[in-house]
Amino acid sequence: MAEVKITKANFDQEVIKSDIPVLLDFWAVWCGPCRMIAPILEQIANENEGKVKIGKVNVDEEPELAASFGIASIPTLIVFKDGKPVQAAVGVRPKAQIEAMLK
């Protein structure tokens, strides 16, 4: 499963009501570090299909969603389990650290 584009309209269905952990990536097209982390997240999504959902939130297209989580710097990764945010990290992380957030 590829990454899922998360918007205000599908947030509840894709994140809050998800029965598997969701890793949200708050990013923007113009953000260099976001482009660096994107292939890592895509790889994690492909390797963990059905076990983890990777959601992408474009902060320029979804400013209200970004603001509701206090996103000040990007990329920001937030892990949701059972509909609740349980862990967050700001900036580029190696694959192993991102996978550890999902355990």
C-alpha atoms as a PDB file:
ATOM      1  CA  MET A   1       0.000   0.000   0.000  1.00  0.00           C
ATOM      2  CA  ALA A   2       1.371   3.359  -0.950  1.00  0.00           C
ATOM      3  CA  GLU A   3       1.215   6.298   1.356  1.00  0.00           C
ATOM      4  CA  VAL A   4      -2.201   7.847   1.954  1.00  0.00           C
ATOM      5  CA  LYS A   5      -2.849  11.550   1.395  1.00  0.00           C
ATOM      6  CA  ILE A   6      -4.434  12.814   4.609  1.00  0.00           C
ATOM      7  CA  THR A   7      -6.814  15.776   4.551  1.00  0.00           C
ATOM      8  CA  LYS A   8      -9.212  17.303   7.030  1.00  0.00           C
ATOM      9  CA  ALA A   9     -11.982  15.432   5.207  1.00  0.00           C
ATOM     10  CA  ASN A  10     -10.491  11.929   5.607  1.00  0.00           C
ATOM     11  CA  PHE A  11      -8.517  12.391   8.862  1.00  0.00           C
ATOM     12  CA  ASP A  12     -11.066  10.665  11.129  1.00  0.00           C
ATOM     13  CA  GLN A  13     -11.506   7.695   8.810  1.00  0.00           C
ATOM     14  CA  GLU A  14      -7.831   7.181   7.917  1.00  0.00           C
ATOM     15  CA  VAL A  15      -6.170   8.066  11.250  1.00  0.00           C
ATOM     16  CA  ILE A  16      -8.547   8.124  14.223  1.00  0.00           C
ATOM     17  CA  LYS A  17     -10.544   5.029  13.185  1.00  0.00           C
ATOM     18  CA  SER A  18      -7.547   3.071  11.824  1.00  0.00           C
ATOM     19  CA  ASP A  19      -7.106  -0.384  13.352  1.00  0.00           C
ATOM     20  CA  ILE A  20      -3.349  -0.311  12.624  1.00  0.00           C
ATOM     21  CA  PRO A  21      -0.736   2.266  13.711  1.00  0.00           C
ATOM     22  CA  VAL A  22      -0.566   5.372  11.532  1.00  0.00           C
ATOM     23  CA  LEU A  23       2.586   7.408  10.941  1.00  0.00           C
ATOM     24  CA  LEU A  24       1.698  10.924   9.797  1.00  0.00           C
ATOM     25  CA  ASP A  25       4.316  12.847   7.860  1.00  0.00           C
ATOM     26  CA  PHE A  26       3.728  16.611   7.924  1.00  0.00           C
ATOM     27  CA  TRP A  27       5.608  17.925   4.885  1.00  0.00           C
ATOM     28  CA  ALA A  28       5.697  20.479   2.051  1.00  0.00           C
ATOM     29  CA  VAL A  29       6.822  20.379  -1.574  1.00  0.00           C
ATOM     30  CA  TRP A  30       9.466  23.090  -1.021  1.00  0.00           C
ATOM     31  CA  CYS A  31      11.011  21.365   2.037  1.00  0.00           C
ATOM     32  CA  GLY A  32      14.407  19.770   1.293  1.00  0.00           C
ATOM     33  CA  PRO A  33      14.523  17.545   4.405  1.00  0.00           C
ATOM     34  CA  CYS A  34      10.974  16.383   3.579  1.00  0.00           C
ATOM     35  CA  ARG A  35      12.196  15.211   0.182  1.00  0.00           C
ATOM     36  CA  MET A  36      15.092  13.398   1.895  1.00  0.00           C
ATOM     37  CA  ILE A  37      12.810  11.438   4.225  1.00  0.00           C
ATOM     38  CA  ALA A  38      10.118  10.644   1.614  1.00  0.00           C
ATOM     39  CA  PRO A  39      11.834   7.555   0.086  1.00  0.00           C
ATOM     40  CA  ILE A  40      12.445   6.127   3.565  1.00  0.00           C
ATOM     41  CA  LEU A  41       8.750   6.468   4.430  1.00  0.00           C
ATOM     42  CA  GLU A  42       7.738   4.951   1.099  1.00  0.00           C
ATOM     43  CA  GLN A  43      10.008   1.977   1.776  1.00  0.00           C
ATOM     44  CA  ILE A  44       8.542   1.502   5.276  1.00  0.00           C
ATOM     45  CA  ALA A  45       5.005   1.696   3.810  1.00  0.00           C
ATOM     46  CA  ASN A  46       5.805  -0.969   1.220  1.00  0.00           C
ATOM     47  CA  GLU A  47       7.588  -3.294   3.677  1.00  0.00           C
ATOM     48  CA  ASN A  48       4.834  -3.069   6.315  1.00  0.00           C
ATOM     49  CA  GLU A  49       1.712  -3.232   4.178  1.00  0.00           C
ATOM     50  CA  GLY A  50      -1.312  -4.071   6.301  1.00  0.00           C
ATOM     51  CA  LYS A  51       0.628  -3.542   9.549  1.00  0.00           C
ATOM     52  CA  VAL A  52       1.306   0.204   9.393  1.00  0.00           C
ATOM     53  CA  LYS A  53      -0.271   3.099   7.503  1.00  0.00           C
ATOM     54  CA  ILE A  54       1.871   6.016   6.329  1.00  0.00           C
ATOM     55  CA  GLY A  55      -0.110   9.219   5.942  1.00  0.00           C
ATOM     56  CA  LYS A  56       1.159  12.360   4.222  1.00  0.00           C
ATOM     57  CA  VAL A  57      -0.150  15.769   5.301  1.00  0.00           C
ATOM     58  CA  ASN A  58       0.865  18.630   3.017  1.00  0.00           C
ATOM     59  CA  VAL A  59       1.034  21.585   5.435  1.00  0.00           C
ATOM     60  CA  ASP A  60       0.442  24.095   2.619  1.00  0.00           C
ATOM     61  CA  GLU A  61      -2.774  22.340   1.551  1.00  0.00           C
ATOM     62  CA  GLU A  62      -3.949  21.482   5.089  1.00  0.00           C
ATOM     63  CA  PRO A  63      -2.901  24.410   7.333  1.00  0.00           C
ATOM     64  CA  GLU A  64      -5.731  23.800   9.837  1.00  0.00           C
ATOM     65  CA  LEU A  65      -4.719  20.177  10.321  1.00  0.00           C
ATOM     66  CA  ALA A  66      -1.068  21.185  10.793  1.00  0.00           C
ATOM     67  CA  ALA A  67      -2.059  23.921  13.246  1.00  0.00           C
ATOM     68  CA  SER A  68      -4.219  21.529  15.265  1.00  0.00           C
ATOM     69  CA  PHE A  69      -1.059  19.515  16.032  1.00  0.00           C
ATOM     70  CA  GLY A  70       1.134  22.568  16.618  1.00  0.00           C
ATOM     71  CA  ILE A  71       3.377  21.817  13.653  1.00  0.00           C
ATOM     72  CA  ALA A  72       6.115  24.475  13.680  1.00  0.00           C
ATOM     73  CA  SER A  73       8.874  22.648  11.784  1.00  0.00           C
ATOM     74  CA  ILE A  74       8.778  20.077   9.012  1.00  0.00           C
ATOM     75  CA  PRO A  75       9.179  17.259   8.474  1.00  0.00           C
ATOM     76  CA  THR A  76       7.314  16.291  11.626  1.00  0.00           C
ATOM     77  CA  LEU A  77       6.380  12.648  12.136  1.00  0.00           C
ATOM     78  CA  ILE A  78       3.577  11.698  14.533  1.00  0.00           C
ATOM     79  CA  VAL A  79       2.633   8.100  15.324  1.00  0.00           C
ATOM     80  CA  PHE A  80      -1.016   7.382  16.157  1.00  0.00           C
ATOM     81  CA  LYS A  81      -2.130   4.191  17.875  1.00  0.00           C
ATOM     82  CA  ASP A  82      -5.797   3.570  18.666  1.00  0.00           C
ATOM     83  CA  GLY A  83      -6.600   7.042  17.343  1.00  0.00           C
ATOM     84  CA  LYS A  84      -4.266   8.871  19.718  1.00  0.00           C
ATOM     85  CA  PRO A  85      -0.870  10.483  19.070  1.00  0.00           C
ATOM     86  CA  VAL A  86       1.725   8.482  21.017  1.00  0.00           C
ATOM     87  CA  GLN A  87       5.067   9.653  19.667  1.00  0.00           C
ATOM     88  CA  ALA A  88       6.494  12.479  17.573  1.00  0.00           C
ATOM     89  CA  ALA A  89       9.797  13.439  15.991  1.00  0.00           C
ATOM     90  CA  VAL A  90      10.926  16.534  14.100  1.00  0.00           C
ATOM     91  CA  GLY A  91      13.468  16.446  11.310  1.00  0.00           C
ATOM     92  CA  VAL A  92      15.071  13.764   9.191  1.00  0.00           C
ATOM     93  CA  ARG A  93      15.545  10.424  10.942  1.00  0.00           C
ATOM     94  CA  PRO A  94      17.250   7.220   9.813  1.00  0.00           C
ATOM     95  CA  LYS A  95      14.965   4.355   8.832  1.00  0.00           C
ATOM     96  CA  ALA A  96      15.754   2.359  12.002  1.00  0.00           C
ATOM     97  CA  GLN A  97      14.645   5.250  14.246  1.00  0.00           C
ATOM     98  CA  ILE A  98      11.390   5.671  12.340  1.00  0.00           C
ATOM     99  CA  GLU A  99      10.689   1.938  12.512  1.00  0.00           C
ATOM    100  CA  ALA A 100      11.417   2.008  16.278  1.00  0.00           C
ATOM    101  CA  MET A 101       8.716   4.696  16.685  1.00  0.00           C
ATOM    102  CA  LEU A 102       6.203   2.240  15.219  1.00  0.00           C
ATOM    103  CA  LYS A 103       6.956  -0.620  17.657  1.00  0.00           C
END
